[in-house]
Amino acid sequence: MSQSQPAKADVVLANPAPLGLFGFGMTTILLNLANANVYALGSTVLAMGIFFGGFAQIVAGLLEYRKGNTFGMTAFLSYGFFWETFVFIFILPGISGLSGFAPTSTALGYYLLFWGVFTFLMFIGTLRLNGALMAVFGTLWILFFLLAVGFLTGAAPTSALSIGTGYEGVLCGLLAMYTAIANVLNEVYGRSVLPLWPRKA
C-alpha cells in the first residue's frame, strides 16, 4: 500500500497587477502627450511601447495566469501585445521591401475602433471588481473611440479633437498609475492607504 504524500506548503505569489498597470499607465501617458502635441512622437515612446508597455504587461499577464486570474491575464496579455503591434505598425514600413505596407488613416481608425470594442467589453467585467479599475477601463475605451474617430475623419494633429483626445489619454494613464501604486502601498502597509473602491458582491 502506497503512503500518502505530504501536502505541499501553500505558495504565496506576488501581485503582478502593479507591474502591468505601471507599464500600461506610463506608456499611455507618454504616447498621449505626443497626441496632445506636447512633443513629436519618437523613439522614446516607441521604446517604452516595446519594453515597458509591451513586455512588462506580457510578463504580468503570464503571472496572472499562474494565479488563476482570468481577467488580469486577458487584460495584460492583450494590452501588452497591443503595444507590440502598435509599435510595429510604425516601424515595419521603414524596413526595406515593406514600404508599401504603411497603414492608411482608415486602417488605423478601424484598428483602434476594434480595440475600443474589446476594451468596452472588458470594462463590463470591472463592474464587479473595483472603482479604480472601472475608471481606468472607462477612460480607456473612450480614448480608443476618440482616437478612432480622429483617424477615420482625418482630424489634423493640431485639431481640438486630437489635442483633447491626447489629454484624455493622459488622464487614463494617470488613473492606471494610481491603481498600481494603490495596490503596492496597500499591500506594503497592510491597510487601505489609497482606496480602490472595491465593488460589493
Protein backbone atom coordinates (compact mmCIF):
# COMPACT_ATOMS: atom_id res chain seq x y z
CA MET A 1 0.00 0.00 0.00
CA SER A 2 1.46 3.34 -1.00
CA GLN A 3 1.95 6.03 1.58
CA SER A 4 0.17 9.34 1.21
CA GLN A 5 2.32 12.21 0.01
CA PRO A 6 2.85 15.14 2.37
CA ALA A 7 0.85 18.22 1.48
CA LYS A 8 2.82 20.92 -0.26
CA ALA A 9 3.14 24.23 1.50
CA ASP A 10 0.99 26.98 0.06
CA VAL A 11 2.98 29.21 -2.25
CA VAL A 12 2.40 32.93 -1.81
CA LEU A 13 2.62 34.69 -5.16
CA ALA A 14 3.28 38.38 -5.61
CA ASN A 15 0.58 40.55 -7.16
CA PRO A 16 1.65 41.22 -10.78
CA ALA A 17 -1.05 43.84 -11.39
CA PRO A 18 1.05 46.88 -10.34
CA LEU A 19 3.77 45.96 -12.84
CA GLY A 20 1.26 45.70 -15.67
CA LEU A 21 -0.61 48.85 -14.63
CA PHE A 22 2.59 50.92 -14.36
CA GLY A 23 3.75 49.64 -17.75
CA PHE A 24 0.41 50.50 -19.29
CA GLY A 25 -0.05 53.81 -17.50
CA MET A 26 3.37 55.35 -18.07
CA THR A 27 3.49 54.34 -21.73
CA THR A 28 -0.05 55.63 -22.30
CA ILE A 29 0.88 59.00 -20.80
CA LEU A 30 3.98 59.35 -22.97
CA LEU A 31 2.08 58.46 -26.16
CA ASN A 32 -0.80 60.79 -25.40
CA LEU A 33 1.44 63.73 -24.58
CA ALA A 34 2.56 63.30 -28.19
CA ASN A 35 -1.09 63.07 -29.27
CA ALA A 36 -1.73 66.32 -27.35
CA ASN A 37 1.04 67.92 -29.43
CA VAL A 38 3.32 68.49 -26.44
CA TYR A 39 6.17 66.88 -28.40
CA ALA A 40 6.63 64.78 -31.53
CA LEU A 41 6.13 61.02 -31.48
CA GLY A 42 9.59 59.48 -31.46
CA SER A 43 11.79 56.62 -30.34
CA THR A 44 11.21 57.39 -26.64
CA VAL A 45 7.56 56.44 -26.93
CA LEU A 46 8.23 53.50 -29.25
CA ALA A 47 10.91 52.05 -26.95
CA MET A 48 8.56 52.34 -23.97
CA GLY A 49 5.87 50.67 -26.08
CA ILE A 50 8.08 47.68 -26.87
CA PHE A 51 9.54 47.08 -23.43
CA PHE A 52 7.55 48.58 -20.54
CA GLY A 53 4.18 48.89 -22.21
CA GLY A 54 4.60 45.64 -24.12
CA PHE A 55 6.92 43.12 -22.50
CA ALA A 56 6.17 44.17 -18.90
CA GLN A 57 2.43 43.71 -19.43
CA ILE A 58 3.00 40.35 -21.12
CA VAL A 59 5.02 39.21 -18.11
CA ALA A 60 2.26 40.48 -15.80
CA GLY A 61 -0.34 38.62 -17.85
CA LEU A 62 1.59 35.35 -17.62
CA LEU A 63 1.88 35.78 -13.86
CA GLU A 64 -1.86 36.47 -13.62
CA TYR A 65 -2.37 33.16 -15.45
CA ARG A 66 -0.26 31.46 -12.77
CA LYS A 67 -2.52 33.00 -10.12
CA GLY A 68 -5.69 31.86 -11.91
CA ASN A 69 -6.88 35.41 -12.63
CA THR A 70 -8.66 35.21 -16.00
CA PHE A 71 -9.49 38.92 -16.16
CA GLY A 72 -5.95 40.03 -15.33
CA MET A 73 -4.42 37.52 -17.73
CA THR A 74 -6.68 38.58 -20.60
CA ALA A 75 -6.18 42.30 -19.97
CA PHE A 76 -2.42 42.38 -19.52
CA LEU A 77 -1.58 39.94 -22.31
CA SER A 78 -3.94 41.73 -24.71
CA TYR A 79 -2.70 45.24 -23.99
CA GLY A 80 0.90 44.05 -23.89
CA PHE A 81 0.51 42.74 -27.41
CA PHE A 82 -1.41 45.88 -28.35
CA TRP A 83 1.71 47.91 -27.64
CA GLU A 84 3.87 45.49 -29.61
CA THR A 85 1.56 45.67 -32.64
CA PHE A 86 1.20 49.45 -32.32
CA VAL A 87 4.97 49.95 -32.42
CA PHE A 88 5.43 47.55 -35.33
CA ILE A 89 2.73 49.34 -37.32
CA PHE A 90 5.06 52.35 -37.32
CA ILE A 91 8.43 50.64 -37.79
CA LEU A 92 7.61 47.90 -40.31
CA PRO A 93 7.03 50.29 -43.25
CA GLY A 94 10.58 51.56 -42.72
CA ILE A 95 12.05 48.11 -43.35
CA SER A 96 13.34 47.50 -46.86
CA GLY A 97 10.69 45.90 -49.02
CA LEU A 98 7.79 46.77 -46.72
CA SER A 99 7.40 50.47 -47.53
CA GLY A 100 4.20 49.76 -49.44
CA PHE A 101 2.54 48.42 -46.30
CA ALA A 102 2.26 51.73 -44.45
CA PRO A 103 -1.23 51.91 -42.89
CA THR A 104 -3.84 54.38 -44.10
CA SER A 105 -5.73 56.60 -41.68
CA THR A 106 -8.83 54.49 -42.30
CA ALA A 107 -7.00 51.27 -41.45
CA LEU A 108 -5.63 52.81 -38.24
CA GLY A 109 -9.10 54.06 -37.40
CA TYR A 110 -10.61 50.58 -37.62
CA TYR A 111 -7.65 49.09 -35.74
CA LEU A 112 -8.31 51.47 -32.85
CA LEU A 113 -12.07 51.04 -33.12
CA PHE A 114 -11.84 47.29 -32.52
CA TRP A 115 -9.53 47.87 -29.57
CA GLY A 116 -12.22 50.19 -28.26
CA VAL A 117 -14.84 47.46 -28.62
CA PHE A 118 -12.57 44.99 -26.81
CA THR A 119 -11.92 47.50 -24.03
CA PHE A 120 -15.62 48.24 -23.58
CA LEU A 121 -16.29 44.51 -23.18
CA MET A 122 -13.52 44.31 -20.57
CA PHE A 123 -14.95 47.41 -18.86
CA ILE A 124 -18.13 45.43 -18.21
CA GLY A 125 -16.01 43.00 -16.18
CA THR A 126 -14.71 45.81 -13.97
CA LEU A 127 -18.25 46.47 -12.73
CA ARG A 128 -17.71 43.51 -10.37
CA LEU A 129 -14.14 44.45 -9.39
CA ASN A 130 -13.39 47.93 -8.10
CA GLY A 131 -13.96 51.58 -8.86
CA ALA A 132 -10.33 52.30 -9.69
CA LEU A 133 -10.28 49.71 -12.50
CA MET A 134 -13.67 50.96 -13.68
CA ALA A 135 -12.14 54.41 -14.09
CA VAL A 136 -9.10 53.05 -15.96
CA PHE A 137 -11.11 50.93 -18.40
CA GLY A 138 -13.84 53.55 -18.73
CA THR A 139 -11.43 56.26 -19.81
CA LEU A 140 -9.53 53.76 -21.97
CA TRP A 141 -12.46 52.69 -24.15
CA ILE A 142 -13.39 56.36 -24.59
CA LEU A 143 -9.77 57.04 -25.60
CA PHE A 144 -9.78 54.29 -28.23
CA PHE A 145 -13.05 55.52 -29.72
CA LEU A 146 -11.85 59.13 -29.81
CA LEU A 147 -8.61 58.05 -31.50
CA ALA A 148 -10.62 56.00 -34.00
CA VAL A 149 -12.85 58.97 -34.80
CA GLY A 150 -9.79 61.16 -35.28
CA PHE A 151 -8.22 58.79 -37.82
CA LEU A 152 -11.47 57.96 -39.61
CA THR A 153 -12.35 61.65 -40.04
CA GLY A 154 -8.81 62.73 -40.91
CA ALA A 155 -8.55 65.15 -37.97
CA ALA A 156 -5.36 67.21 -38.02
CA PRO A 157 -2.81 66.58 -35.23
CA THR A 158 -3.31 70.18 -34.08
CA SER A 159 -7.11 69.98 -34.06
CA ALA A 160 -9.14 70.34 -30.86
CA LEU A 161 -10.24 66.71 -31.21
CA SER A 162 -6.67 65.39 -31.41
CA ILE A 163 -5.35 67.52 -28.56
CA GLY A 164 -8.39 66.83 -26.36
CA THR A 165 -8.03 63.11 -27.05
CA GLY A 166 -4.39 63.29 -26.01
CA TYR A 167 -5.21 64.82 -22.64
CA GLU A 168 -8.00 62.29 -22.10
CA GLY A 169 -5.34 59.61 -22.67
CA VAL A 170 -3.05 61.26 -20.12
CA LEU A 171 -5.90 61.05 -17.60
CA CYS A 172 -6.33 57.34 -18.38
CA GLY A 173 -2.62 56.72 -17.83
CA LEU A 174 -2.63 58.63 -14.53
CA LEU A 175 -5.58 56.57 -13.31
CA ALA A 176 -3.68 53.38 -14.18
CA MET A 177 -0.64 54.61 -12.25
CA TYR A 178 -2.84 55.49 -9.27
CA THR A 179 -4.35 51.99 -9.30
CA ALA A 180 -0.85 50.49 -9.49
CA ILE A 181 0.62 52.41 -6.58
CA ALA A 182 -2.54 51.86 -4.52
CA ASN A 183 -2.06 48.10 -4.89
CA VAL A 184 1.59 48.40 -3.87
CA LEU A 185 1.12 50.70 -0.86
CA ASN A 186 -1.96 48.92 0.44
CA GLU A 187 -0.01 45.65 0.48
CA VAL A 188 3.13 47.19 1.98
CA TYR A 189 1.25 48.90 4.83
CA GLY A 190 -1.34 46.17 5.29
CA ARG A 191 -4.23 48.62 5.14
CA SER A 192 -6.06 50.85 2.69
CA VAL A 193 -3.62 53.73 2.20
CA LEU A 194 -5.12 54.65 -1.18
CA PRO A 195 -8.69 53.50 -1.82
CA LEU A 196 -9.55 51.21 -4.73
CA TRP A 197 -13.29 51.35 -4.06
CA PRO A 198 -14.00 47.59 -4.25
CA ARG A 199 -17.42 46.64 -5.56
CA LYS A 200 -19.84 44.79 -3.32
CA ALA A 201 -20.83 41.26 -4.41
